[in-house]
Amino acid sequence: MRIRVIKTSDRGFKQLLGRIIERRGRREEKIEKLVRGIIRTVRQKGDRALMHYARLFDGVRLSKSAIEVKQKEMDRAMKLLPRGDLRVLSLAAKRIAAFHRHQLERSWGYRDSLGLFLGQRITPLGRVGVYVPGGKASYPSTVLMNVIPAKVAGVGEIVMASPIGKNGAVILAAARLAGVDRLFRIGGAQAISAMAFGTETVPRVDKIVGPGNIYVAAAKRMVFGEVDIDSIAGPSEILLLADAHADPSHVAADMLSQAEHDELAAALCVTPSLALARRVEAALAEQIQGTRRRAITIKALERYGAIIVSRGLSEGVEIANAIAPEHVELLVRRPHKWLPSIRNAGAIFVGPYSPPPLGDYLAGPNHVLPTGGSARFFSPLGTYDFLKRTSVIHAGREALHALAPEIIHLARMEGLYDHARAVEARFKKEKFYGTNS
């Protein structure tokens, strides 16, 4: 394996950044055309389409009665799960719920000087769909991170879809533990379509959250507007800002922890120390030998990995903010000095004992983070994603009377004369002066 060590003054530096940014927006016409057809077929044929695609894509003969997982199956999975597995999942669930309770918003209101009552009502969504990838891999942490914030928010019904694979018991147990109300044994773009539009068995939801492959991402993009979505998840990213005092073995281990996700993952170390850069390079070469997903990790590091030598930590911060990665890690002597300077990141990991897996599993904050530079304007998944805000306006006669001339004036400025009449109708015997005619 050969990972590049590059200085910000080198000619190839901008090309490297361009390659990293370019990988984020990959959209393939063939995939989008296929997904569009799947969505259309599920809308037209409902459960029959779900059974067809389960056989076509997953090799599973799914009967109509087996589309929905029975509650007793989830209960049985809880009993069959090894005690150690259940203990860890329960601890994670408890910590995730505790963190997300701090995010809860409350309705508020006030009365202004004219006597108007103005406020905002906070209400949970009625029904949310959670997509969890399945097949060869099982991700119980994804279940917990997507379902628990919705549960804390008070969502009326939480529906989950997953093409439950060989190690399905842990997914069923995680769903039961997190509080899933209904679980469906479906995956891919067809699951997204089913939750967005509904079938005879799968209810229509208000919002869909959860990660997935390129087909799932395309489907979420296409149903947005019919339902809300969280975001379009992209490949994993980490940028470690390290100074000469950082432990190169820590840097290498954390880069590898993200590079193992998939071949499009980006693992970057930015340091002002060329000496540290060389030590990290050597540590990566040594540690890669013991990785289980070696082929994937090597491709990710060779394509989108790099050790970048900056002209100082300030320039390193600028690079981090420009890339706006999913994870930023501060492995510097005085991390809290630099923390306020990091404006664009999904999550910031401070100091040598805050590695990303802490956030992935047990810290409590959500591991569903903005990717692909969207940390410039998106936030991590949270309780607030499952709440609606509704404005409340209550005026008495005197308050409306006080503002009537200005309302009428503005309405006529915009040529919306019936807007003006709606106010005038409340005061039929009065003539409002100072308004344009």
Protein backbone atom coordinates (compact mmCIF):
# COMPACT_ATOMS: atom_id res chain seq x y z
CA MET A 1 0.00 0.00 0.00
CA ARG A 2 1.16 3.51 -0.83
CA ILE A 3 -0.53 6.47 0.89
CA ARG A 4 0.46 9.90 -0.37
CA VAL A 5 2.26 12.42 1.83
CA ILE A 6 1.69 15.84 0.28
CA LYS A 7 2.44 19.42 1.23
CA THR A 8 -0.15 22.14 0.77
CA SER A 9 2.43 23.98 -1.36
CA ASP A 10 2.69 21.02 -3.78
CA ARG A 11 1.06 21.28 -7.19
CA GLY A 12 -0.96 18.10 -6.63
CA PHE A 13 -2.64 19.33 -3.44
CA LYS A 14 -5.55 21.07 -5.17
CA GLN A 15 -6.04 18.05 -7.41
CA LEU A 16 -6.30 15.85 -4.32
CA LEU A 17 -8.95 18.09 -2.77
CA GLY A 18 -10.80 18.13 -6.09
CA ARG A 19 -10.84 14.33 -6.21
CA ILE A 20 -12.21 14.11 -2.67
CA ILE A 21 -14.95 16.64 -3.40
CA GLU A 22 -15.78 15.08 -6.78
CA ARG A 23 -16.48 11.65 -5.27
CA ARG A 24 -19.27 13.13 -3.15
CA GLY A 25 -21.71 13.92 -5.91
CA ARG A 26 -21.63 10.65 -7.83
CA ARG A 27 -24.95 10.16 -9.59
CA GLU A 28 -25.33 7.54 -12.26
CA GLU A 29 -28.06 7.78 -14.89
CA LYS A 30 -28.51 4.00 -15.18
CA ILE A 31 -29.07 3.66 -11.43
CA GLU A 32 -31.49 6.58 -11.30
CA LYS A 33 -33.47 5.19 -14.23
CA LEU A 34 -33.71 1.77 -12.53
CA VAL A 35 -34.74 3.31 -9.21
CA ARG A 36 -37.37 5.47 -10.89
CA GLY A 37 -38.87 2.30 -12.38
CA ILE A 38 -38.86 0.53 -9.01
CA ILE A 39 -40.64 3.44 -7.34
CA ARG A 40 -43.26 3.55 -10.09
CA THR A 41 -43.87 -0.22 -9.92
CA VAL A 42 -44.25 -0.23 -6.12
CA ARG A 43 -46.74 2.64 -6.35
CA GLN A 44 -48.75 0.74 -8.95
CA LYS A 45 -48.55 -2.83 -7.68
CA GLY A 46 -47.95 -2.46 -3.94
CA ASP A 47 -47.17 -5.66 -2.06
CA ARG A 48 -46.88 -7.71 -5.27
CA ALA A 49 -43.98 -5.48 -6.32
CA LEU A 50 -42.30 -5.89 -2.92
CA MET A 51 -42.48 -9.68 -3.20
CA HIS A 52 -41.15 -9.54 -6.78
CA TYR A 53 -38.17 -7.37 -5.87
CA ALA A 54 -37.36 -9.45 -2.78
CA ARG A 55 -37.01 -12.47 -5.04
CA LEU A 56 -35.15 -10.53 -7.78
CA PHE A 57 -32.63 -8.63 -5.65
CA ASP A 58 -32.38 -10.56 -2.38
CA GLY A 59 -33.12 -14.10 -3.56
CA VAL A 60 -35.90 -14.35 -0.97
CA ARG A 61 -39.35 -15.81 -1.63
CA LEU A 62 -41.47 -13.50 0.47
CA SER A 63 -45.16 -14.18 1.00
CA LYS A 64 -47.57 -11.34 1.67
CA SER A 65 -48.07 -12.49 5.25
CA ALA A 66 -44.29 -12.51 5.85
CA ILE A 67 -43.65 -8.91 4.74
CA GLU A 68 -44.30 -7.69 8.28
CA VAL A 69 -42.29 -9.13 11.14
CA LYS A 70 -44.52 -10.26 13.98
CA GLN A 71 -44.02 -8.80 17.45
CA LYS A 72 -43.46 -12.29 18.85
CA GLU A 73 -40.47 -12.70 16.46
CA MET A 74 -38.88 -9.60 17.98
CA ASP A 75 -39.66 -10.81 21.49
CA ARG A 76 -38.08 -14.19 20.70
CA ALA A 77 -34.96 -12.47 19.30
CA MET A 78 -34.57 -10.58 22.58
CA LYS A 79 -34.60 -13.88 24.48
CA LEU A 80 -32.18 -15.61 22.09
CA LEU A 81 -29.63 -12.79 22.01
CA PRO A 82 -26.51 -13.56 24.08
CA ARG A 83 -26.59 -11.81 27.43
CA GLY A 84 -23.42 -9.83 26.69
CA ASP A 85 -24.85 -8.54 23.39
CA LEU A 86 -28.08 -7.47 25.06
CA ARG A 87 -26.18 -5.70 27.87
CA VAL A 88 -24.11 -3.66 25.39
CA LEU A 89 -27.13 -2.74 23.26
CA SER A 90 -29.07 -1.72 26.39
CA LEU A 91 -26.22 0.48 27.60
CA ALA A 92 -25.95 2.15 24.18
CA ALA A 93 -29.72 2.69 24.05
CA LYS A 94 -29.73 4.26 27.52
CA ARG A 95 -26.89 6.66 26.69
CA ILE A 96 -28.36 7.63 23.29
CA ALA A 97 -31.75 8.37 24.86
CA ALA A 98 -30.18 10.43 27.67
CA PHE A 99 -28.30 12.64 25.19
CA HIS A 100 -31.27 13.15 22.89
CA ARG A 101 -33.60 14.15 25.73
CA HIS A 102 -31.43 17.26 26.08
CA GLN A 103 -32.39 18.23 22.52
CA LEU A 104 -36.14 18.34 23.14
CA GLU A 105 -37.80 21.60 22.19
CA ARG A 106 -40.86 23.01 23.91
CA SER A 107 -43.72 25.16 22.70
CA TRP A 108 -43.42 28.83 23.61
CA GLY A 109 -45.33 32.09 23.33
CA TYR A 110 -45.41 35.72 24.44
CA ARG A 111 -47.72 38.74 24.36
CA ASP A 112 -46.34 41.81 22.64
CA SER A 113 -46.92 45.49 23.41
CA LEU A 114 -50.05 45.62 21.21
CA GLY A 115 -51.59 42.64 23.00
CA LEU A 116 -51.04 40.02 20.28
CA PHE A 117 -50.26 36.55 21.50
CA LEU A 118 -47.50 35.10 19.33
CA GLY A 119 -45.90 31.73 19.70
CA GLN A 120 -44.76 28.42 18.31
CA ARG A 121 -46.21 24.98 18.90
CA ILE A 122 -43.83 22.02 18.88
CA THR A 123 -45.45 18.72 17.90
CA PRO A 124 -43.94 15.35 16.95
CA LEU A 125 -44.42 13.79 13.53
CA GLY A 126 -47.23 11.27 13.24
CA ARG A 127 -45.37 8.40 11.59
CA VAL A 128 -41.69 7.98 10.70
CA GLY A 129 -39.98 5.34 8.55
CA VAL A 130 -36.50 4.13 9.44
CA TYR A 131 -34.42 2.30 6.86
CA VAL A 132 -31.69 -0.04 8.11
CA PRO A 133 -29.35 -1.81 5.66
CA GLY A 134 -29.18 -5.58 5.91
CA GLY A 135 -28.09 -8.51 3.80
CA LYS A 136 -24.56 -9.67 4.60
CA ALA A 137 -23.95 -7.16 7.41
CA SER A 138 -25.90 -6.21 10.55
CA TYR A 139 -25.87 -2.74 12.06
CA PRO A 140 -27.76 -2.69 15.36
CA SER A 141 -26.18 0.69 16.20
CA THR A 142 -27.94 2.14 13.13
CA VAL A 143 -31.26 0.93 14.53
CA LEU A 144 -30.62 2.61 17.88
CA MET A 145 -29.30 5.88 16.45
CA ASN A 146 -32.24 6.36 14.07
CA VAL A 147 -35.12 5.05 16.16
CA ILE A 148 -34.37 6.38 19.65
CA PRO A 149 -34.39 10.12 18.77
CA ALA A 150 -37.79 9.61 17.11
CA LYS A 151 -39.03 7.81 20.22
CA VAL A 152 -37.73 10.57 22.50
CA ALA A 153 -39.45 13.16 20.28
CA GLY A 154 -42.78 11.38 20.80
CA VAL A 155 -43.42 10.23 17.22
CA GLY A 156 -46.78 8.50 17.06
CA GLU A 157 -45.64 5.40 15.17
CA ILE A 158 -42.16 4.26 14.14
CA VAL A 159 -42.00 1.97 11.12
CA MET A 160 -38.76 0.20 10.20
CA ALA A 161 -37.77 -1.50 6.94
CA SER A 162 -34.75 -3.76 6.58
CA PRO A 163 -33.80 -6.68 4.34
CA ILE A 164 -32.99 -8.70 7.42
CA GLY A 165 -30.06 -11.00 6.64
CA LYS A 166 -28.42 -14.01 8.24
CA ASN A 167 -27.66 -12.31 11.55
CA GLY A 168 -31.20 -10.99 11.76
CA ALA A 169 -31.74 -11.74 15.44
CA VAL A 170 -29.58 -8.83 16.56
CA ILE A 171 -31.49 -6.42 14.29
CA LEU A 172 -34.84 -7.69 15.58
CA ALA A 173 -33.64 -7.36 19.17
CA ALA A 174 -32.30 -3.84 18.57
CA ALA A 175 -35.61 -2.84 16.98
CA ARG A 176 -37.54 -4.18 19.96
CA LEU A 177 -35.19 -2.49 22.42
CA ALA A 178 -35.33 0.88 20.59
CA GLY A 179 -39.12 0.89 20.43
CA VAL A 180 -40.00 0.13 16.80
CA ASP A 181 -43.77 -0.24 16.41
CA ARG A 182 -43.87 -2.10 13.10
CA LEU A 183 -41.04 -3.84 11.25
CA PHE A 184 -41.04 -4.87 7.59
CA ARG A 185 -38.76 -7.41 5.95
CA ILE A 186 -38.04 -5.32 2.83
CA GLY A 187 -35.00 -3.48 1.54
CA GLY A 188 -33.58 -1.29 -1.19
CA ALA A 189 -35.33 1.36 -3.27
CA GLN A 190 -38.55 -0.67 -3.05
CA ALA A 191 -38.63 -0.23 0.74
CA ILE A 192 -38.19 3.53 0.39
CA SER A 193 -41.03 3.67 -2.15
CA ALA A 194 -43.29 1.54 0.05
CA MET A 195 -42.80 3.83 3.05
CA ALA A 196 -43.16 6.98 0.95
CA PHE A 197 -46.42 6.02 -0.79
CA GLY A 198 -47.76 3.06 1.20
CA THR A 199 -48.89 -0.40 0.07
CA GLU A 200 -51.63 -2.76 1.27
CA THR A 201 -49.30 -3.82 4.12
CA VAL A 202 -46.80 -1.00 4.60
CA PRO A 203 -48.25 2.29 5.89
CA ARG A 204 -47.29 5.64 4.38
CA VAL A 205 -44.95 7.68 6.59
CA ASP A 206 -44.26 11.39 7.01
CA LYS A 207 -40.47 11.18 7.00
CA ILE A 208 -37.82 8.60 6.08
CA VAL A 209 -34.44 8.43 7.81
CA GLY A 210 -31.54 6.01 7.72
CA PRO A 211 -28.55 5.15 5.53
CA GLY A 212 -28.32 2.85 2.55
CA ASN A 213 -26.51 2.07 -0.68
CA ILE A 214 -26.55 4.14 -3.87
CA TYR A 215 -30.01 2.75 -4.80
CA VAL A 216 -31.48 3.72 -1.45
CA ALA A 217 -29.88 7.17 -1.66
CA ALA A 218 -31.33 7.70 -5.14
CA ALA A 219 -34.78 6.58 -3.98
CA LYS A 220 -34.73 8.95 -1.00
CA ARG A 221 -33.77 11.80 -3.30
CA MET A 222 -36.69 10.99 -5.63
CA VAL A 223 -39.41 10.69 -2.95
CA PHE A 224 -38.37 13.89 -1.18
CA GLY A 225 -41.35 16.22 -1.34
CA GLU A 226 -43.84 13.40 -1.01
CA VAL A 227 -42.22 12.78 2.36
CA ASP A 228 -39.41 14.47 4.24
CA ILE A 229 -36.00 12.79 4.47
CA ASP A 230 -33.04 13.24 6.78
CA SER A 231 -30.27 13.66 4.18
CA ILE A 232 -28.52 11.79 1.39
CA ALA A 233 -25.76 9.84 3.14
CA GLY A 234 -22.43 9.72 1.34
CA PRO A 235 -19.14 7.91 1.90
CA SER A 236 -17.51 8.19 5.33
CA GLU A 237 -14.92 10.91 5.98
CA ILE A 238 -12.41 11.74 8.69
CA LEU A 239 -9.92 14.55 8.99
CA LEU A 240 -7.44 14.39 11.85
CA LEU A 241 -5.73 17.64 12.79
CA ALA A 242 -2.51 16.53 14.51
CA ASP A 243 0.57 18.33 15.77
CA ALA A 244 4.05 17.00 16.51
CA HIS A 245 2.89 15.73 19.93
CA ALA A 246 0.28 13.35 18.50
CA ASP A 247 0.81 9.60 18.80
CA PRO A 248 1.24 8.31 15.21
CA SER A 249 -0.25 4.93 16.14
CA HIS A 250 -3.46 6.68 17.28
CA VAL A 251 -3.62 8.70 14.07
CA ALA A 252 -3.12 5.61 11.91
CA ALA A 253 -5.67 3.53 13.84
CA ASP A 254 -8.32 6.24 13.54
CA MET A 255 -7.69 6.69 9.81
CA LEU A 256 -8.08 2.95 9.31
CA SER A 257 -11.29 2.87 11.36
CA GLN A 258 -12.99 5.07 8.77
CA ALA A 259 -11.25 3.75 5.65
CA GLU A 260 -12.64 0.25 6.32
CA HIS A 261 -16.21 1.46 5.67
CA ASP A 262 -15.97 1.35 1.87
CA GLU A 263 -13.72 2.09 -1.08
CA LEU A 264 -15.00 5.69 -1.35
CA ALA A 265 -14.17 6.59 2.28
CA ALA A 266 -11.77 9.49 2.75
CA ALA A 267 -9.22 9.38 5.58
CA LEU A 268 -7.03 12.47 5.91
CA CYS A 269 -4.41 13.57 8.42
CA VAL A 270 -3.42 17.23 8.37
CA THR A 271 -0.29 18.15 10.31
CA PRO A 272 2.32 20.93 10.27
CA SER A 273 4.98 18.33 11.21
CA LEU A 274 6.69 16.50 8.35
CA ALA A 275 8.32 14.22 10.95
CA LEU A 276 4.90 13.17 12.30
CA ALA A 277 3.65 12.68 8.74
CA ARG A 278 6.43 10.15 8.10
CA ARG A 279 5.72 8.34 11.39
CA VAL A 280 2.01 8.14 10.55
CA GLU A 281 2.91 6.77 7.11
CA ALA A 282 4.98 4.03 8.76
CA ALA A 283 2.27 3.27 11.35
CA LEU A 284 -0.33 2.87 8.59
CA ALA A 285 1.91 0.45 6.69
CA GLU A 286 2.35 -1.60 9.86
CA GLN A 287 -1.28 -1.59 11.06
CA ILE A 288 -2.80 -2.34 7.66
CA GLN A 289 -1.35 -5.84 7.88
CA GLY A 290 -3.73 -6.76 10.68
CA THR A 291 -6.97 -5.43 9.22
CA ARG A 292 -9.80 -7.79 8.26
CA ARG A 293 -11.18 -5.54 5.50
CA ARG A 294 -7.75 -5.00 4.02
CA ALA A 295 -8.68 -4.85 0.33
CA ILE A 296 -11.38 -2.21 0.91
CA THR A 297 -9.17 -0.20 3.27
CA ILE A 298 -6.21 -0.13 0.87
CA LYS A 299 -8.35 1.07 -2.04
CA ALA A 300 -9.88 3.82 0.08
CA LEU A 301 -6.50 5.02 1.35
CA GLU A 302 -4.84 4.93 -2.05
CA ARG A 303 -7.69 6.76 -3.78
CA TYR A 304 -8.89 9.23 -1.18
CA GLY A 305 -6.47 9.02 1.74
CA ALA A 306 -3.58 11.39 2.36
CA ILE A 307 -1.26 12.81 4.98
CA ILE A 308 -1.24 16.55 4.31
CA VAL A 309 1.62 18.68 5.59
CA SER A 310 0.31 22.19 6.26
CA ARG A 311 2.13 25.46 6.94
CA GLY A 312 0.75 25.51 10.47
CA LEU A 313 -2.29 24.49 12.49
CA SER A 314 -4.19 27.58 11.31
CA GLU A 315 -3.92 26.42 7.72
CA GLY A 316 -4.97 22.94 8.88
CA VAL A 317 -8.14 24.45 10.38
CA GLU A 318 -8.83 26.24 7.09
CA ILE A 319 -8.54 22.94 5.22
CA ALA A 320 -10.90 21.24 7.67
CA ASN A 321 -13.50 23.99 7.29
CA ALA A 322 -13.19 23.92 3.50
CA ILE A 323 -13.71 20.13 3.31
CA ALA A 324 -16.43 20.15 6.02
CA PRO A 325 -15.97 16.45 6.78
CA GLU A 326 -18.17 14.05 8.70
CA HIS A 327 -15.58 13.59 11.49
CA VAL A 328 -12.90 16.02 12.65
CA GLU A 329 -10.45 14.85 15.29
CA LEU A 330 -8.22 17.23 17.27
CA LEU A 331 -5.01 15.42 18.24
CA VAL A 332 -3.14 18.54 19.27
CA ARG A 333 -1.53 19.68 22.50
CA ARG A 334 -4.20 22.29 23.33
CA PRO A 335 -7.34 21.00 21.58
CA HIS A 336 -9.75 23.36 23.35
CA LYS A 337 -7.85 26.34 21.94
CA TRP A 338 -8.63 25.14 18.40
CA LEU A 339 -12.13 23.76 19.02
CA PRO A 340 -13.98 27.08 18.43
CA SER A 341 -12.21 27.48 15.08
CA ILE A 342 -13.75 24.30 13.63
CA ARG A 343 -16.99 25.59 12.07
CA ASN A 344 -17.80 22.83 9.58
CA ALA A 345 -17.88 19.26 10.87
CA GLY A 346 -20.49 16.62 11.58
CA ALA A 347 -18.83 15.77 14.89
CA ILE A 348 -15.63 16.94 16.58
CA PHE A 349 -13.59 14.49 18.65
CA VAL A 350 -11.40 16.28 21.16
CA GLY A 351 -8.13 14.81 22.42
CA PRO A 352 -6.43 11.41 22.22
CA TYR A 353 -9.09 9.54 24.24
CA SER A 354 -12.05 10.54 22.07
CA PRO A 355 -11.71 8.28 19.02
CA PRO A 356 -14.61 8.19 16.50
CA PRO A 357 -15.81 4.69 17.60
CA LEU A 358 -16.71 6.27 20.95
CA GLY A 359 -19.20 8.44 19.06
CA ASP A 360 -20.22 5.64 16.72
CA TYR A 361 -21.45 3.43 19.52
CA LEU A 362 -21.63 4.56 23.13
CA ALA A 363 -21.00 8.27 23.77
CA GLY A 364 -24.64 9.22 23.16
CA PRO A 365 -24.59 11.87 20.38
CA ASN A 366 -25.92 10.61 17.08
CA HIS A 367 -23.59 8.92 14.63
CA VAL A 368 -25.82 9.83 11.67
CA LEU A 369 -23.74 12.78 10.53
CA PRO A 370 -23.66 15.09 7.49
CA THR A 371 -21.26 13.91 4.79
CA GLY A 372 -20.01 15.19 1.46
CA GLY A 373 -19.33 18.72 2.67
CA SER A 374 -22.93 19.15 3.86
CA ALA A 375 -21.66 19.88 7.39
CA ARG A 376 -21.54 23.45 6.08
CA PHE A 377 -25.33 23.56 6.42
CA PHE A 378 -26.61 20.23 7.86
CA SER A 379 -26.57 18.95 11.44
CA PRO A 380 -26.35 15.45 12.93
CA LEU A 381 -29.64 13.53 13.16
CA GLY A 382 -31.40 14.52 16.36
CA THR A 383 -34.67 14.72 18.24
CA TYR A 384 -35.37 18.01 16.44
CA ASP A 385 -35.59 16.11 13.12
CA PHE A 386 -38.79 14.45 14.31
CA LEU A 387 -40.55 17.60 15.52
CA LYS A 388 -42.68 20.12 13.62
CA ARG A 389 -42.92 23.82 14.40
CA THR A 390 -46.25 25.58 13.92
CA SER A 391 -46.70 29.33 14.35
CA VAL A 392 -49.56 30.59 16.56
CA ILE A 393 -51.07 34.09 16.12
CA HIS A 394 -53.93 35.39 18.27
CA ALA A 395 -54.94 39.06 17.99
CA GLY A 396 -57.75 40.97 19.65
CA ARG A 397 -59.74 43.75 17.95
CA GLU A 398 -57.55 46.52 19.27
CA ALA A 399 -54.31 44.86 18.21
CA LEU A 400 -55.51 44.26 14.63
CA HIS A 401 -56.89 47.82 14.50
CA ALA A 402 -53.49 49.21 15.48
CA LEU A 403 -51.72 47.40 12.64
CA ALA A 404 -54.49 47.56 10.04
CA PRO A 405 -53.24 50.64 8.12
CA GLU A 406 -49.80 49.12 7.62
CA ILE A 407 -51.20 45.69 6.66
CA ILE A 408 -53.49 47.31 4.08
CA HIS A 409 -50.62 49.46 2.81
CA LEU A 410 -48.31 46.47 2.32
CA ALA A 411 -51.05 44.37 0.69
CA ARG A 412 -51.76 47.10 -1.87
CA MET A 413 -48.04 47.57 -2.49
CA GLU A 414 -47.97 43.95 -3.59
CA GLY A 415 -51.14 44.25 -5.64
CA LEU A 416 -53.03 41.83 -3.38
CA TYR A 417 -56.18 43.90 -2.82
CA ASP A 418 -58.23 41.07 -1.34
CA HIS A 419 -55.59 40.73 1.37
CA ALA A 420 -56.35 44.35 2.22
CA ARG A 421 -60.12 43.77 2.11
CA ALA A 422 -59.81 40.84 4.54
CA VAL A 423 -58.58 43.32 7.14
CA GLU A 424 -61.00 46.11 6.15
CA ALA A 425 -63.91 43.68 6.51
CA ARG A 426 -63.33 43.64 10.27
CA PHE A 427 -63.77 47.41 10.45
CA LYS A 428 -66.51 48.16 7.89
CA LYS A 429 -67.44 51.61 9.19
CA GLU A 430 -63.87 52.88 9.35
CA LYS A 431 -61.68 54.53 6.77
CA PHE A 432 -57.94 53.88 7.18
CA TYR A 433 -55.90 56.90 6.22
CA GLY A 434 -52.27 56.89 5.11
CA THR A 435 -52.76 53.80 2.93
CA ASN A 436 -52.00 53.89 -0.75
CA SER A 437 -55.02 53.47 -3.03
